[in-house]
Amino acid sequence: TESRPDRDAGEVTLLTAALAADLPVLGVCRGMQLLAVAYGGLLHQHLPDVVGHDGHRPAPGVYGSHPVRFAPGSRTGRVMAGVDRVNSYHHQAVADPGGLAVTGWADDGVIEAVEDPARRFVLGVQWHPENEADPRPVAALVRAAVSGRSQTRVS
């Protein structure tokens, strides 16, 4: 995958502004990776070199599926209660989450979820909930946005 400095700069600007305003943030796949970098973390540039297989992106345009576990008591654990498999389509992954808490792992140890427990709602997931039959992370983002709106007064 080729580098996109223009995209990176634009997305980092948006993410920084959202965090500064304490807006709810859900980072999906590349978005989770961007969150980790924004929090001072690092990425594995080519995951197959780290884990020794292509299971996280079996073929171009083909999603994989793998077991996942979540940290008990975490936001991710509460949102994803009962889920033990997620889809997958990525060749990069979070190596170091920086200031984020790791709250989800694939069976091969790849980081699958991160969050900032000090904020109202900052969650990153490595899979694609928008392509799942049960997109709970998206629903949790909407709930956080709606509850935050009711607490914000415009004068």
Protein backbone atom coordinates (compact mmCIF):
# COMPACT_ATOMS: atom_id res chain seq x y z
CA THR A 1 0.00 0.00 0.00
CA GLU A 2 1.42 3.37 -0.95
CA SER A 3 1.92 6.17 1.56
CA ARG A 4 -0.63 9.03 1.61
CA PRO A 5 0.90 11.98 3.51
CA ASP A 6 -1.95 14.28 2.41
CA ARG A 7 -4.57 11.91 3.78
CA ASP A 8 -2.56 11.39 6.98
CA ALA A 9 -2.26 15.15 7.55
CA GLY A 10 -5.97 15.76 7.01
CA GLU A 11 -7.07 12.88 9.22
CA VAL A 12 -4.64 13.80 12.01
CA THR A 13 -5.98 17.38 11.92
CA LEU A 14 -9.57 16.13 12.24
CA LEU A 15 -8.69 13.65 14.98
CA THR A 16 -6.75 16.25 16.96
CA ALA A 17 -9.70 18.67 16.80
CA ALA A 18 -12.18 15.95 17.81
CA LEU A 19 -10.04 14.95 20.79
CA ALA A 20 -9.58 18.58 21.84
CA ALA A 21 -13.37 19.05 21.78
CA ASP A 22 -13.91 15.73 23.62
CA LEU A 23 -16.10 14.48 20.78
CA PRO A 24 -16.78 10.75 20.65
CA VAL A 25 -14.26 9.03 18.37
CA LEU A 26 -14.44 5.57 16.79
CA GLY A 27 -11.38 4.58 14.79
CA VAL A 28 -12.00 1.67 12.41
CA CYS A 29 -9.05 -0.29 10.97
CA ARG A 30 -6.78 2.46 9.61
CA GLY A 31 -8.60 4.80 12.01
CA MET A 32 -7.47 2.71 14.97
CA GLN A 33 -3.92 2.82 13.65
CA LEU A 34 -4.19 6.60 13.29
CA LEU A 35 -5.43 6.86 16.90
CA ALA A 36 -2.45 4.88 18.14
CA VAL A 37 0.01 7.08 16.25
CA ALA A 38 -1.76 10.25 17.50
CA TYR A 39 -1.32 8.91 21.05
CA GLY A 40 2.42 8.38 20.49
CA GLY A 41 2.30 4.75 19.38
CA LEU A 42 3.87 2.79 16.55
CA LEU A 43 2.67 0.45 13.80
CA HIS A 44 3.80 -2.86 12.38
CA GLN A 45 4.24 -1.85 8.74
CA HIS A 46 3.61 -5.33 7.27
CA LEU A 47 1.81 -7.70 9.62
CA PRO A 48 2.58 -10.96 7.76
CA ASP A 49 6.27 -10.35 8.52
CA VAL A 50 5.39 -10.21 12.24
CA VAL A 51 2.83 -13.01 12.61
CA GLY A 52 4.00 -15.27 9.77
CA HIS A 53 0.67 -15.57 7.95
CA ASP A 54 -1.82 -13.66 5.79
CA GLY A 55 -4.87 -14.42 7.94
CA HIS A 56 -5.60 -10.76 8.67
CA ARG A 57 -5.90 -10.05 4.92
CA PRO A 58 -6.21 -13.37 3.10
CA ALA A 59 -6.35 -11.90 -0.43
CA PRO A 60 -7.09 -8.57 -2.13
CA GLY A 61 -10.71 -7.68 -1.41
CA VAL A 62 -11.25 -10.76 0.79
CA TYR A 63 -12.03 -10.43 4.50
CA GLY A 64 -10.69 -12.97 6.91
CA SER A 65 -12.22 -13.97 10.22
CA HIS A 66 -10.46 -14.84 13.45
CA PRO A 67 -11.02 -15.32 17.17
CA VAL A 68 -10.81 -12.28 19.42
CA ARG A 69 -10.86 -11.63 23.16
CA PHE A 70 -11.53 -8.45 25.08
CA ALA A 71 -10.32 -7.12 28.43
CA PRO A 72 -12.96 -7.67 31.11
CA GLY A 73 -14.33 -4.42 32.50
CA SER A 74 -13.13 -2.36 29.54
CA ARG A 75 -15.45 -0.26 27.36
CA THR A 76 -14.64 -2.62 24.48
CA GLY A 77 -15.45 -5.64 26.64
CA ARG A 78 -18.82 -4.15 27.55
CA VAL A 79 -19.65 -3.09 23.98
CA MET A 80 -18.61 -6.44 22.49
CA ALA A 81 -19.90 -8.75 25.25
CA GLY A 82 -20.42 -12.24 23.86
CA VAL A 83 -18.46 -11.65 20.64
CA ASP A 84 -15.57 -14.04 20.09
CA ARG A 85 -14.87 -13.58 16.34
CA VAL A 86 -14.39 -10.54 14.12
CA ASN A 87 -13.69 -9.95 10.46
CA SER A 88 -10.31 -8.78 9.29
CA TYR A 89 -8.77 -6.95 6.34
CA HIS A 90 -5.49 -5.22 7.13
CA HIS A 91 -1.77 -5.68 6.59
CA GLN A 92 -0.65 -3.14 9.19
CA ALA A 93 -1.39 -3.23 12.91
CA VAL A 94 -0.67 -1.39 16.13
CA ALA A 95 2.69 -2.43 17.57
CA ASP A 96 2.71 0.08 20.45
CA PRO A 97 -0.54 1.80 21.49
CA GLY A 98 1.20 4.85 22.95
CA GLY A 99 -1.09 6.37 25.59
CA LEU A 100 -4.06 4.14 24.73
CA ALA A 101 -5.11 1.06 26.68
CA VAL A 102 -5.12 -2.21 24.71
CA THR A 103 -8.48 -3.90 25.26
CA GLY A 104 -8.73 -6.50 22.48
CA TRP A 105 -6.45 -9.14 20.96
CA ALA A 106 -6.59 -11.63 18.12
CA ASP A 107 -5.62 -15.22 18.84
CA ASP A 108 -2.15 -14.53 17.36
CA GLY A 109 -1.60 -11.58 19.73
CA VAL A 110 -2.34 -8.79 17.24
CA ILE A 111 -3.93 -5.78 18.94
CA GLU A 112 -7.59 -5.61 17.88
CA ALA A 113 -8.98 -2.85 20.13
CA VAL A 114 -7.70 0.20 21.99
CA GLU A 115 -9.39 2.88 24.06
CA ASP A 116 -8.74 5.93 26.18
CA PRO A 117 -10.53 5.28 29.48
CA ALA A 118 -9.85 8.87 30.60
CA ARG A 119 -12.09 10.26 27.84
CA ARG A 120 -15.84 10.16 27.35
CA PHE A 121 -15.59 7.89 24.28
CA VAL A 122 -12.41 7.08 22.35
CA LEU A 123 -12.41 3.57 20.91
CA GLY A 124 -10.41 1.98 18.12
CA VAL A 125 -11.17 -1.38 16.52
CA GLN A 126 -9.00 -3.14 13.97
CA TRP A 127 -11.89 -4.99 12.32
CA HIS A 128 -14.72 -3.58 10.20
CA PRO A 129 -17.94 -3.40 12.24
CA GLU A 130 -19.67 -1.66 9.33
CA ASN A 131 -19.44 -5.02 7.50
CA GLU A 132 -20.63 -7.14 10.43
CA ALA A 133 -24.19 -8.26 11.11
CA ASP A 134 -23.70 -6.88 14.66
CA PRO A 135 -22.05 -3.44 14.35
CA ARG A 136 -22.02 -2.68 18.09
CA PRO A 137 -19.04 -0.29 18.06
CA VAL A 138 -20.93 1.97 15.64
CA ALA A 139 -24.04 1.86 17.83
CA ALA A 140 -21.90 2.71 20.88
CA LEU A 141 -20.47 5.73 19.04
CA VAL A 142 -23.97 6.94 18.18
CA ARG A 143 -25.09 6.54 21.82
CA ALA A 144 -22.05 8.51 23.01
CA ALA A 145 -22.73 11.27 20.48
CA VAL A 146 -26.41 11.52 21.37
CA SER A 147 -25.77 11.54 25.12
CA GLY A 148 -23.06 14.18 24.68
CA ARG A 149 -25.37 16.36 22.62
CA SER A 150 -27.98 16.37 25.37
CA GLN A 151 -25.29 17.55 27.81
CA THR A 152 -24.08 20.37 25.54
CA ARG A 153 -25.92 23.68 25.64
CA VAL A 154 -25.73 26.16 22.81
CA SER A 155 -26.18 29.79 23.79
